[in-house]
Amino acid sequence: MDSCDSRTRSYKNGKTFEQCRDIAKTLSAALKEKINQKGEVQWSEILESADHDELVYKLTLKFLRQDGYDIGNWKIPRVAKTS
């Protein structure tokens, strides 16, 4: 059978989606502390923390948004605490 199984597809460095999601959750927890201390974190800093892995980066932003943080937009590329 030549069909793709989305549950086991490899992403960057051979990681599965579930592994990327777990990494993003861990990363977002660490970034929350940094955001609460500094007030905001730039998108470029998040991308570096995600080791330039686009999927982990996007999932991290998603989890931060779900937790009530303002993830900005293309004009304001930063994540900050919501007022």
C-alpha atoms as a PDB file:
ATOM      1  CA  MET A   1       0.000   0.000   0.000  1.00  0.00           C
ATOM      2  CA  ASP A   2       1.476   3.360  -1.055  1.00  0.00           C
ATOM      3  CA  SER A   3      -0.722   5.706   0.983  1.00  0.00           C
ATOM      4  CA  CYS A   4       0.720   8.188   3.438  1.00  0.00           C
ATOM      5  CA  ASP A   5      -0.068   7.853   7.109  1.00  0.00           C
ATOM      6  CA  SER A   6      -0.240  11.380   8.550  1.00  0.00           C
ATOM      7  CA  ARG A   7       0.377  10.057  12.057  1.00  0.00           C
ATOM      8  CA  THR A   8       3.858   8.789  11.203  1.00  0.00           C
ATOM      9  CA  ARG A   9       5.009  11.286   8.577  1.00  0.00           C
ATOM     10  CA  SER A  10       8.477  12.611   9.258  1.00  0.00           C
ATOM     11  CA  TYR A  11       9.074  16.320   9.494  1.00  0.00           C
ATOM     12  CA  LYS A  12      12.384  18.119  10.004  1.00  0.00           C
ATOM     13  CA  ASN A  13      15.083  15.820  11.396  1.00  0.00           C
ATOM     14  CA  GLY A  14      12.774  12.792  11.161  1.00  0.00           C
ATOM     15  CA  LYS A  15      10.387  13.904  13.926  1.00  0.00           C
ATOM     16  CA  THR A  16       6.712  12.973  13.840  1.00  0.00           C
ATOM     17  CA  PHE A  17       3.940  15.527  14.268  1.00  0.00           C
ATOM     18  CA  GLU A  18       3.372  14.352  17.848  1.00  0.00           C
ATOM     19  CA  GLN A  19       7.050  14.900  18.696  1.00  0.00           C
ATOM     20  CA  CYS A  20       6.934  18.389  17.153  1.00  0.00           C
ATOM     21  CA  ARG A  21       3.790  19.168  19.156  1.00  0.00           C
ATOM     22  CA  ASP A  22       5.434  18.041  22.409  1.00  0.00           C
ATOM     23  CA  ILE A  23       8.516  20.161  21.676  1.00  0.00           C
ATOM     24  CA  ALA A  24       6.293  23.177  20.938  1.00  0.00           C
ATOM     25  CA  LYS A  25       4.382  22.732  24.207  1.00  0.00           C
ATOM     26  CA  THR A  26       7.633  22.604  26.165  1.00  0.00           C
ATOM     27  CA  LEU A  27       8.989  25.616  24.284  1.00  0.00           C
ATOM     28  CA  SER A  28       5.822  27.655  24.814  1.00  0.00           C
ATOM     29  CA  ALA A  29       5.953  26.963  28.561  1.00  0.00           C
ATOM     30  CA  ALA A  30       9.526  28.286  28.698  1.00  0.00           C
ATOM     31  CA  LEU A  31       8.608  31.309  26.579  1.00  0.00           C
ATOM     32  CA  LYS A  32       5.675  32.178  28.861  1.00  0.00           C
ATOM     33  CA  GLU A  33       8.122  32.755  31.703  1.00  0.00           C
ATOM     34  CA  LYS A  34      10.293  34.942  29.483  1.00  0.00           C
ATOM     35  CA  ILE A  35       7.271  36.930  28.248  1.00  0.00           C
ATOM     36  CA  ASN A  36       6.040  37.466  31.793  1.00  0.00           C
ATOM     37  CA  GLN A  37       9.494  38.778  32.803  1.00  0.00           C
ATOM     38  CA  LYS A  38      10.293  40.919  29.750  1.00  0.00           C
ATOM     39  CA  GLY A  39       6.770  41.815  28.626  1.00  0.00           C
ATOM     40  CA  GLU A  40       7.269  40.528  25.074  1.00  0.00           C
ATOM     41  CA  VAL A  41       9.342  38.230  22.879  1.00  0.00           C
ATOM     42  CA  GLN A  42      10.136  38.773  19.191  1.00  0.00           C
ATOM     43  CA  TRP A  43       9.108  36.206  16.594  1.00  0.00           C
ATOM     44  CA  SER A  44      12.735  35.864  15.514  1.00  0.00           C
ATOM     45  CA  GLU A  45      13.662  34.785  19.046  1.00  0.00           C
ATOM     46  CA  ILE A  46      10.930  32.133  18.977  1.00  0.00           C
ATOM     47  CA  LEU A  47      12.172  30.886  15.593  1.00  0.00           C
ATOM     48  CA  GLU A  48      15.701  30.571  16.990  1.00  0.00           C
ATOM     49  CA  SER A  49      14.375  28.720  20.044  1.00  0.00           C
ATOM     50  CA  ALA A  50      12.543  26.341  17.688  1.00  0.00           C
ATOM     51  CA  ASP A  51      15.853  25.663  15.922  1.00  0.00           C
ATOM     52  CA  HIS A  52      14.392  27.141  12.700  1.00  0.00           C
ATOM     53  CA  ASP A  53      11.858  24.285  12.530  1.00  0.00           C
ATOM     54  CA  GLU A  54       8.802  25.860  10.901  1.00  0.00           C
ATOM     55  CA  LEU A  55       6.287  23.374  12.287  1.00  0.00           C
ATOM     56  CA  VAL A  56       7.523  23.729  15.879  1.00  0.00           C
ATOM     57  CA  TYR A  57       7.570  27.534  15.435  1.00  0.00           C
ATOM     58  CA  LYS A  58       3.973  27.668  14.202  1.00  0.00           C
ATOM     59  CA  LEU A  59       2.743  25.267  16.858  1.00  0.00           C
ATOM     60  CA  THR A  60       4.483  27.320  19.553  1.00  0.00           C
ATOM     61  CA  LEU A  61       2.696  30.469  18.366  1.00  0.00           C
ATOM     62  CA  LYS A  62      -0.584  28.536  18.302  1.00  0.00           C
ATOM     63  CA  PHE A  63      -0.156  27.333  21.893  1.00  0.00           C
ATOM     64  CA  LEU A  64       0.780  30.820  23.096  1.00  0.00           C
ATOM     65  CA  ARG A  65      -2.332  32.261  21.403  1.00  0.00           C
ATOM     66  CA  GLN A  66      -4.490  29.541  23.006  1.00  0.00           C
ATOM     67  CA  ASP A  67      -3.077  30.503  26.397  1.00  0.00           C
ATOM     68  CA  GLY A  68      -4.232  34.105  25.930  1.00  0.00           C
ATOM     69  CA  TYR A  69      -1.079  35.818  24.646  1.00  0.00           C
ATOM     70  CA  ASP A  70      -1.163  38.399  21.855  1.00  0.00           C
ATOM     71  CA  ILE A  71       0.936  36.848  19.087  1.00  0.00           C
ATOM     72  CA  GLY A  72       1.012  40.018  16.998  1.00  0.00           C
ATOM     73  CA  ASN A  73       0.907  40.112  13.197  1.00  0.00           C
ATOM     74  CA  TRP A  74       3.195  40.785  10.249  1.00  0.00           C
ATOM     75  CA  LYS A  75       3.410  44.488  11.183  1.00  0.00           C
ATOM     76  CA  ILE A  76       4.112  43.775  14.863  1.00  0.00           C
ATOM     77  CA  PRO A  77       6.149  40.523  14.927  1.00  0.00           C
ATOM     78  CA  ARG A  78       6.151  39.850  18.656  1.00  0.00           C
ATOM     79  CA  VAL A  79       4.316  37.938  21.380  1.00  0.00           C
ATOM     80  CA  ALA A  80       3.169  39.926  24.390  1.00  0.00           C
ATOM     81  CA  LYS A  81       0.946  39.605  27.422  1.00  0.00           C
ATOM     82  CA  THR A  82      -2.616  40.676  26.772  1.00  0.00           C
ATOM     83  CA  SER A  83      -3.813  43.598  28.807  1.00  0.00           C
END
